[in-house]
C-alpha atoms as a PDB file:
ATOM      1  CA  MET A   1      28.554 -68.950  26.481  1.00  0.00           C
ATOM      2  CA  PHE A   2      29.573 -66.381  28.988  1.00  0.00           C
ATOM      3  CA  SER A   3      29.797 -67.605  32.709  1.00  0.00           C
ATOM      4  CA  TRP A   4      31.159 -65.545  35.688  1.00  0.00           C
ATOM      5  CA  ILE A   5      30.781 -66.392  39.684  1.00  0.00           C
ATOM      6  CA  CYS A   6      31.463 -64.230  41.946  1.00  0.00           C
ATOM      7  CA  THR A   7      32.082 -64.719  45.348  1.00  0.00           C
ATOM      8  CA  THR A   8      32.485 -62.149  48.069  1.00  0.00           C
ATOM      9  CA  TYR A   9      31.218 -61.233  52.166  1.00  0.00           C
ATOM     10  CA  PHE A  10      28.301 -59.769  51.552  1.00  0.00           C
ATOM     11  CA  ALA A  11      29.074 -56.944  54.257  1.00  0.00           C
ATOM     12  CA  GLY A  12      32.131 -56.299  52.344  1.00  0.00           C
ATOM     13  CA  PHE A  13      30.708 -55.787  48.927  1.00  0.00           C
ATOM     14  CA  PRO A  14      27.249 -53.703  48.938  1.00  0.00           C
ATOM     15  CA  VAL A  15      24.673 -54.374  46.420  1.00  0.00           C
ATOM     16  CA  LEU A  16      24.717 -51.261  44.614  1.00  0.00           C
ATOM     17  CA  VAL A  17      28.862 -52.389  43.251  1.00  0.00           C
ATOM     18  CA  ILE A  18      27.609 -55.808  42.238  1.00  0.00           C
ATOM     19  CA  PHE A  19      25.101 -54.379  40.109  1.00  0.00           C
ATOM     20  CA  LEU A  20      27.745 -51.958  38.367  1.00  0.00           C
ATOM     21  CA  LEU A  21      29.516 -54.819  38.384  1.00  0.00           C
ATOM     22  CA  THR A  22      27.285 -57.193  36.013  1.00  0.00           C
ATOM     23  CA  LEU A  23      26.297 -52.981  34.198  1.00  0.00           C
ATOM     24  CA  PHE A  24      29.783 -52.940  33.364  1.00  0.00           C
ATOM     25  CA  THR A  25      30.657 -56.751  32.814  1.00  0.00           C
ATOM     26  CA  GLY A  26      27.421 -56.410  30.324  1.00  0.00           C
ATOM     27  CA  LEU A  27      28.771 -53.781  28.228  1.00  0.00           C
ATOM     28  CA  PHE A  28      31.710 -55.369  27.022  1.00  0.00           C
ATOM     29  CA  VAL A  29      30.409 -58.809  26.181  1.00  0.00           C
ATOM     30  CA  PRO A  30      28.614 -59.658  22.898  1.00  0.00           C
ATOM     31  CA  GLU A  31      24.757 -60.146  22.913  1.00  0.00           C
ATOM     32  CA  SER A  32      24.650 -63.729  22.586  1.00  0.00           C
ATOM     33  CA  ALA A  33      26.667 -64.039  26.156  1.00  0.00           C
ATOM     34  CA  TRP A  34      23.300 -61.470  27.773  1.00  0.00           C
ATOM     35  CA  ALA A  35      21.936 -63.288  30.847  1.00  0.00           C
ATOM     36  CA  ASP A  36      19.770 -63.366  34.086  1.00  0.00           C
ATOM     37  CA  ILE A  37      22.153 -63.488  37.324  1.00  0.00           C
ATOM     38  CA  TYR A  38      21.338 -66.171  40.218  1.00  0.00           C
ATOM     39  CA  ARG A  39      22.709 -65.220  43.873  1.00  0.00           C
ATOM     40  CA  TYR A  40      23.041 -67.515  46.547  1.00  0.00           C
ATOM     41  CA  GLU A  41      24.762 -66.974  50.623  1.00  0.00           C
ATOM     42  CA  ASP A  42      25.906 -69.980  51.962  1.00  0.00           C
ATOM     43  CA  PRO A  43      25.809 -70.556  55.436  1.00  0.00           C
ATOM     44  CA  ASP A  44      29.708 -68.999  56.601  1.00  0.00           C
ATOM     45  CA  GLY A  45      27.895 -65.506  54.925  1.00  0.00           C
ATOM     46  CA  VAL A  46      29.893 -65.978  51.760  1.00  0.00           C
ATOM     47  CA  VAL A  47      27.094 -64.482  48.835  1.00  0.00           C
ATOM     48  CA  HIS A  48      27.721 -66.461  45.630  1.00  0.00           C
ATOM     49  CA  PHE A  49      26.838 -64.831  42.030  1.00  0.00           C
ATOM     50  CA  THR A  50      26.885 -66.641  38.564  1.00  0.00           C
ATOM     51  CA  ASP A  51      24.565 -66.539  35.222  1.00  0.00           C
ATOM     52  CA  SER A  52      24.549 -70.208  34.985  1.00  0.00           C
ATOM     53  CA  PRO A  53      23.411 -72.217  38.366  1.00  0.00           C
ATOM     54  CA  THR A  54      24.604 -75.819  38.991  1.00  0.00           C
ATOM     55  CA  ASP A  55      22.251 -75.111  42.009  1.00  0.00           C
ATOM     56  CA  LYS A  56      18.899 -74.646  43.549  1.00  0.00           C
ATOM     57  CA  LYS A  57      19.839 -72.993  45.891  1.00  0.00           C
ATOM     58  CA  PHE A  58      20.257 -70.016  43.784  1.00  0.00           C
ATOM     59  CA  LYS A  59      18.053 -67.196  43.447  1.00  0.00           C
ATOM     60  CA  ILE A  60      17.055 -64.853  40.715  1.00  0.00           C
ATOM     61  CA  PHE A  61      18.889 -61.529  41.676  1.00  0.00           C
ATOM     62  CA  LEU A  62      19.317 -59.221  38.543  1.00  0.00           C
ATOM     63  CA  LYS A  63      17.049 -59.712  35.700  1.00  0.00           C
ATOM     64  CA  ASP A  64      18.447 -59.194  31.836  1.00  0.00           C
ATOM     65  CA  LEU A  65      16.620 -56.642  31.187  1.00  0.00           C
ATOM     66  CA  ARG A  66      17.728 -56.807  27.531  1.00  0.00           C
ATOM     67  CA  LYS A  67      17.043 -59.627  26.975  1.00  0.00           C
ATOM     68  CA  ASP A  68      13.868 -59.569  27.816  1.00  0.00           C
ATOM     69  CA  ARG A  69      13.280 -56.572  25.472  1.00  0.00           C
ATOM     70  CA  GLN A  70      14.692 -58.036  22.540  1.00  0.00           C
ATOM     71  CA  LEU A  71      12.158 -61.522  22.977  1.00  0.00           C
ATOM     72  CA  ARG A  72       9.046 -58.956  23.340  1.00  0.00           C
ATOM     73  CA  THR A  73      10.145 -57.328  20.164  1.00  0.00           C
ATOM     74  CA  ARG A  74      10.713 -60.608  18.495  1.00  0.00           C
ATOM     75  CA  PHE A  75       7.388 -62.205  20.502  1.00  0.00           C
ATOM     76  CA  ARG A  76       4.769 -59.428  19.717  1.00  0.00           C
ATOM     77  CA  THR A  77       5.092 -56.813  18.157  1.00  0.00           C
ATOM     78  CA  ALA A  78       5.054 -58.014  14.694  1.00  0.00           C
ATOM     79  CA  THR A  79       2.288 -56.770  13.387  1.00  0.00           C
ATOM     80  CA  ASN A  80      -0.192 -53.895  14.714  1.00  0.00           C
ATOM     81  CA  VAL A  81      -2.833 -55.007  16.319  1.00  0.00           C
ATOM     82  CA  ASN A  82      -6.014 -54.196  17.898  1.00  0.00           C
ATOM     83  CA  PRO A  83      -7.291 -55.717  21.130  1.00  0.00           C
ATOM     84  CA  GLN A  84     -11.367 -54.885  20.034  1.00  0.00           C
ATOM     85  CA  GLU A  85     -10.829 -56.830  16.322  1.00  0.00           C
ATOM     86  CA  PHE A  86     -11.228 -59.895  18.500  1.00  0.00           C
ATOM     87  CA  GLU A  87     -13.393 -59.189  21.382  1.00  0.00           C
ATOM     88  CA  HIS A  88     -16.191 -61.024  19.984  1.00  0.00           C
ATOM     89  CA  LEU A  89     -14.500 -64.132  19.708  1.00  0.00           C
ATOM     90  CA  ILE A  90     -13.731 -63.248  23.850  1.00  0.00           C
ATOM     91  CA  LYS A  91     -17.091 -62.560  24.392  1.00  0.00           C
ATOM     92  CA  ALA A  92     -18.429 -65.848  22.148  1.00  0.00           C
ATOM     93  CA  SER A  93     -15.829 -68.387  23.473  1.00  0.00           C
ATOM     94  CA  SER A  94     -16.154 -66.898  27.257  1.00  0.00           C
ATOM     95  CA  ALA A  95     -20.185 -67.492  26.762  1.00  0.00           C
ATOM     96  CA  LYS A  96     -20.055 -71.083  25.180  1.00  0.00           C
ATOM     97  CA  TYR A  97     -17.624 -72.141  28.309  1.00  0.00           C
ATOM     98  CA  GLY A  98     -18.679 -70.034  31.287  1.00  0.00           C
ATOM     99  CA  VAL A  99     -15.319 -68.532  31.987  1.00  0.00           C
ATOM    100  CA  SER A 100     -14.811 -64.877  32.822  1.00  0.00           C
ATOM    101  CA  PRO A 101     -14.347 -62.293  29.494  1.00  0.00           C
ATOM    102  CA  ALA A 102     -11.765 -60.163  31.668  1.00  0.00           C
ATOM    103  CA  LEU A 103      -9.792 -63.357  32.078  1.00  0.00           C
ATOM    104  CA  VAL A 104      -9.445 -64.683  28.851  1.00  0.00           C
ATOM    105  CA  ARG A 105      -8.970 -60.509  27.759  1.00  0.00           C
ATOM    106  CA  ALA A 106      -5.800 -61.014  30.766  1.00  0.00           C
ATOM    107  CA  VAL A 107      -4.355 -64.037  29.372  1.00  0.00           C
ATOM    108  CA  ILE A 108      -4.233 -62.846  26.051  1.00  0.00           C
ATOM    109  CA  GLN A 109      -2.624 -59.808  26.988  1.00  0.00           C
ATOM    110  CA  ALA A 110       0.236 -61.456  28.971  1.00  0.00           C
ATOM    111  CA  GLU A 111       0.395 -64.884  26.131  1.00  0.00           C
ATOM    112  CA  SER A 112       0.577 -62.831  22.917  1.00  0.00           C
ATOM    113  CA  GLY A 113      -0.247 -58.830  23.319  1.00  0.00           C
ATOM    114  CA  TYR A 114      -3.015 -59.177  21.359  1.00  0.00           C
ATOM    115  CA  ASN A 115      -0.380 -60.521  18.515  1.00  0.00           C
ATOM    116  CA  PRO A 116      -2.358 -63.552  16.590  1.00  0.00           C
ATOM    117  CA  ASN A 117       0.749 -64.408  14.836  1.00  0.00           C
ATOM    118  CA  ALA A 118       3.332 -63.952  18.487  1.00  0.00           C
ATOM    119  CA  VAL A 119       4.936 -67.190  18.189  1.00  0.00           C
ATOM    120  CA  SER A 120       7.430 -68.074  21.264  1.00  0.00           C
ATOM    121  CA  ARG A 121      11.281 -69.501  22.140  1.00  0.00           C
ATOM    122  CA  ALA A 122       8.953 -73.174  23.144  1.00  0.00           C
ATOM    123  CA  GLY A 123       6.446 -73.170  20.029  1.00  0.00           C
ATOM    124  CA  ALA A 124       3.880 -71.930  21.701  1.00  0.00           C
ATOM    125  CA  SER A 125       1.531 -69.600  18.715  1.00  0.00           C
ATOM    126  CA  GLY A 126      -1.266 -67.523  18.107  1.00  0.00           C
ATOM    127  CA  LEU A 127      -3.215 -64.896  20.954  1.00  0.00           C
ATOM    128  CA  MET A 128      -3.401 -67.502  23.743  1.00  0.00           C
ATOM    129  CA  GLN A 129       0.226 -69.490  23.560  1.00  0.00           C
ATOM    130  CA  LEU A 130      -0.951 -72.963  22.434  1.00  0.00           C
ATOM    131  CA  MET A 131       1.975 -75.206  22.244  1.00  0.00           C
ATOM    132  CA  PRO A 132       1.561 -77.661  19.682  1.00  0.00           C
ATOM    133  CA  GLY A 133       0.611 -81.071  21.926  1.00  0.00           C
ATOM    134  CA  THR A 134      -2.286 -79.172  23.762  1.00  0.00           C
ATOM    135  CA  ALA A 135      -4.170 -77.101  20.528  1.00  0.00           C
ATOM    136  CA  LYS A 136      -3.873 -80.724  18.879  1.00  0.00           C
ATOM    137  CA  SER A 137      -5.680 -82.507  21.812  1.00  0.00           C
ATOM    138  CA  LEU A 138      -8.171 -78.967  21.702  1.00  0.00           C
ATOM    139  CA  ASN A 139      -8.673 -80.188  18.498  1.00  0.00           C
ATOM    140  CA  VAL A 140      -6.933 -76.441  16.952  1.00  0.00           C
ATOM    141  CA  SER A 141      -5.949 -77.245  13.750  1.00  0.00           C
ATOM    142  CA  ASN A 142      -4.463 -73.519  12.900  1.00  0.00           C
ATOM    143  CA  SER A 143      -3.044 -72.052  15.833  1.00  0.00           C
ATOM    144  CA  PHE A 144      -2.918 -68.845  14.184  1.00  0.00           C
ATOM    145  CA  ASP A 145      -6.929 -68.897  13.520  1.00  0.00           C
ATOM    146  CA  PRO A 146      -7.938 -66.464  15.499  1.00  0.00           C
ATOM    147  CA  LYS A 147     -11.702 -68.564  15.915  1.00  0.00           C
ATOM    148  CA  GLN A 148      -9.530 -71.249  16.469  1.00  0.00           C
ATOM    149  CA  ASN A 149      -7.182 -70.604  18.625  1.00  0.00           C
ATOM    150  CA  VAL A 150      -9.585 -68.475  21.342  1.00  0.00           C
ATOM    151  CA  ASP A 151     -12.335 -71.294  21.513  1.00  0.00           C
ATOM    152  CA  GLY A 152      -9.329 -73.990  22.188  1.00  0.00           C
ATOM    153  CA  GLY A 153      -7.755 -71.484  25.212  1.00  0.00           C
ATOM    154  CA  VAL A 154     -10.626 -70.804  26.650  1.00  0.00           C
ATOM    155  CA  ARG A 155     -11.638 -74.336  26.540  1.00  0.00           C
ATOM    156  CA  TYR A 156      -8.580 -74.741  28.420  1.00  0.00           C
ATOM    157  CA  LEU A 157      -8.863 -72.541  31.328  1.00  0.00           C
ATOM    158  CA  LYS A 158     -12.036 -73.849  31.592  1.00  0.00           C
ATOM    159  CA  PHE A 159     -10.599 -77.361  31.701  1.00  0.00           C
ATOM    160  CA  LEU A 160      -7.778 -75.498  34.543  1.00  0.00           C
ATOM    161  CA  LEU A 161     -10.674 -73.769  36.106  1.00  0.00           C
ATOM    162  CA  ASP A 162     -12.545 -76.769  36.855  1.00  0.00           C
ATOM    163  CA  THR A 163     -10.225 -79.093  37.569  1.00  0.00           C
ATOM    164  CA  PHE A 164      -8.843 -76.876  40.688  1.00  0.00           C
ATOM    165  CA  LYS A 165     -12.191 -76.175  41.303  1.00  0.00           C
ATOM    166  CA  GLY A 166     -12.233 -72.393  40.638  1.00  0.00           C
ATOM    167  CA  ASP A 167      -9.301 -71.509  41.978  1.00  0.00           C
ATOM    168  CA  VAL A 168      -7.742 -68.995  39.161  1.00  0.00           C
ATOM    169  CA  SER A 169      -4.526 -68.679  40.877  1.00  0.00           C
ATOM    170  CA  LEU A 170      -3.608 -72.132  40.470  1.00  0.00           C
ATOM    171  CA  ALA A 171      -5.606 -72.264  37.014  1.00  0.00           C
ATOM    172  CA  LEU A 172      -3.181 -69.406  35.457  1.00  0.00           C
ATOM    173  CA  ALA A 173      -0.158 -71.064  37.011  1.00  0.00           C
ATOM    174  CA  ALA A 174      -0.923 -74.453  34.948  1.00  0.00           C
ATOM    175  CA  TYR A 175      -1.820 -72.789  31.812  1.00  0.00           C
ATOM    176  CA  ASN A 176       1.774 -71.555  31.956  1.00  0.00           C
ATOM    177  CA  ALA A 177       3.678 -73.794  33.832  1.00  0.00           C
ATOM    178  CA  GLY A 178       1.937 -77.104  32.813  1.00  0.00           C
ATOM    179  CA  LEU A 179      -0.613 -78.707  35.285  1.00  0.00           C
ATOM    180  CA  SER A 180       2.132 -81.748  36.126  1.00  0.00           C
ATOM    181  CA  LYS A 181       4.380 -78.893  38.007  1.00  0.00           C
ATOM    182  CA  VAL A 182       0.948 -77.763  40.170  1.00  0.00           C
ATOM    183  CA  ALA A 183       0.090 -80.909  40.837  1.00  0.00           C
ATOM    184  CA  ARG A 184       4.246 -81.847  41.959  1.00  0.00           C
ATOM    185  CA  TYR A 185       4.418 -78.670  43.743  1.00  0.00           C
ATOM    186  CA  GLY A 186       0.762 -78.434  45.617  1.00  0.00           C
ATOM    187  CA  GLY A 187       0.363 -75.238  44.365  1.00  0.00           C
ATOM    188  CA  ILE A 188       2.294 -72.712  42.544  1.00  0.00           C
ATOM    189  CA  PRO A 189       5.370 -73.804  41.414  1.00  0.00           C
ATOM    190  CA  PRO A 190       8.557 -71.867  42.546  1.00  0.00           C
ATOM    191  CA  TYR A 191       9.540 -70.633  38.887  1.00  0.00           C
ATOM    192  CA  GLN A 192       9.332 -67.125  38.954  1.00  0.00           C
ATOM    193  CA  GLU A 193       8.577 -66.428  35.139  1.00  0.00           C
ATOM    194  CA  THR A 194       5.362 -68.445  36.281  1.00  0.00           C
ATOM    195  CA  GLN A 195       4.717 -66.442  39.600  1.00  0.00           C
ATOM    196  CA  THR A 196       5.257 -63.539  37.344  1.00  0.00           C
ATOM    197  CA  TYR A 197       2.752 -64.296  34.961  1.00  0.00           C
ATOM    198  CA  VAL A 198      -0.455 -65.615  37.685  1.00  0.00           C
ATOM    199  CA  ASN A 199       0.194 -62.034  38.882  1.00  0.00           C
ATOM    200  CA  ARG A 200       0.394 -60.435  35.793  1.00  0.00           C
ATOM    201  CA  VAL A 201      -2.570 -61.920  34.604  1.00  0.00           C
ATOM    202  CA  LEU A 202      -4.383 -61.325  38.422  1.00  0.00           C
ATOM    203  CA  ALA A 203      -3.263 -58.137  37.805  1.00  0.00           C
ATOM    204  CA  ASN A 204      -4.693 -57.848  33.686  1.00  0.00           C
ATOM    205  CA  MET A 205      -8.357 -59.403  34.804  1.00  0.00           C
ATOM    206  CA  GLN A 206      -8.617 -56.428  37.707  1.00  0.00           C
ATOM    207  CA  ALA A 207      -7.867 -53.542  34.922  1.00  0.00           C
ATOM    208  CA  ASN A 208     -10.538 -55.074  32.508  1.00  0.00           C
END
C-alpha cells in the first residue's frame, strides 16, 4: 500500500506545486497504489497531506480520478442499456408507492447507470443497488430482476421519505449512507461521497 505524507508551509508551497507533485508521483506507482489525497492545516499553519488519513481533521483534497474511472468502467458498463426499457417498471412502482418517477429515474442513474447487472464493491446489486440485507427485508429474492429490484428500491425510498417527512435530501442521504448515519449526525452525514451523491441525484431529478 503506497503511503506518503507531505508537510509544508502553505505560503511557501503553492497548491499548484502540490498538484504537480501528486501527479508525477502517481505516474511512478503501481495501479494498486492509487488513492485519494487528504489535506489538513494545523494551528501553526503547516499543511499536511496523506493518502492514509489517521485523523478526522484530514479532508479530501484530490480525488483519484483514475480509480473512479476504473470503478465506473467495471461497475456500470458491463452491458449496453436502454433507460426506456425500464420506464414501465419505474412508472408502475412510482404510482404504486406514491414516489416521484423523476426521483426514481435519478436514483437509478446515479446508482447503476441503468445497468441491471451492476454490482458495487460493497455488494449492492441491480438497478437501484440494493444491499443483500436490504433486499432480503424487502422480500426481493433476485436483485438482478429489474422488476423486483425497482419495486423493492422504490418501496425503500418511500419508507425513507415517510421517515424524514418528505425531505428528499435526507431520504437520499439515508439511501446512500444508511438510516443510522443520518440519525447519528442529525442530517446529511459529513461524508463527501454521500454529499456528492445527494447533489448528483437532485441534479438528475431536475433534468428528468
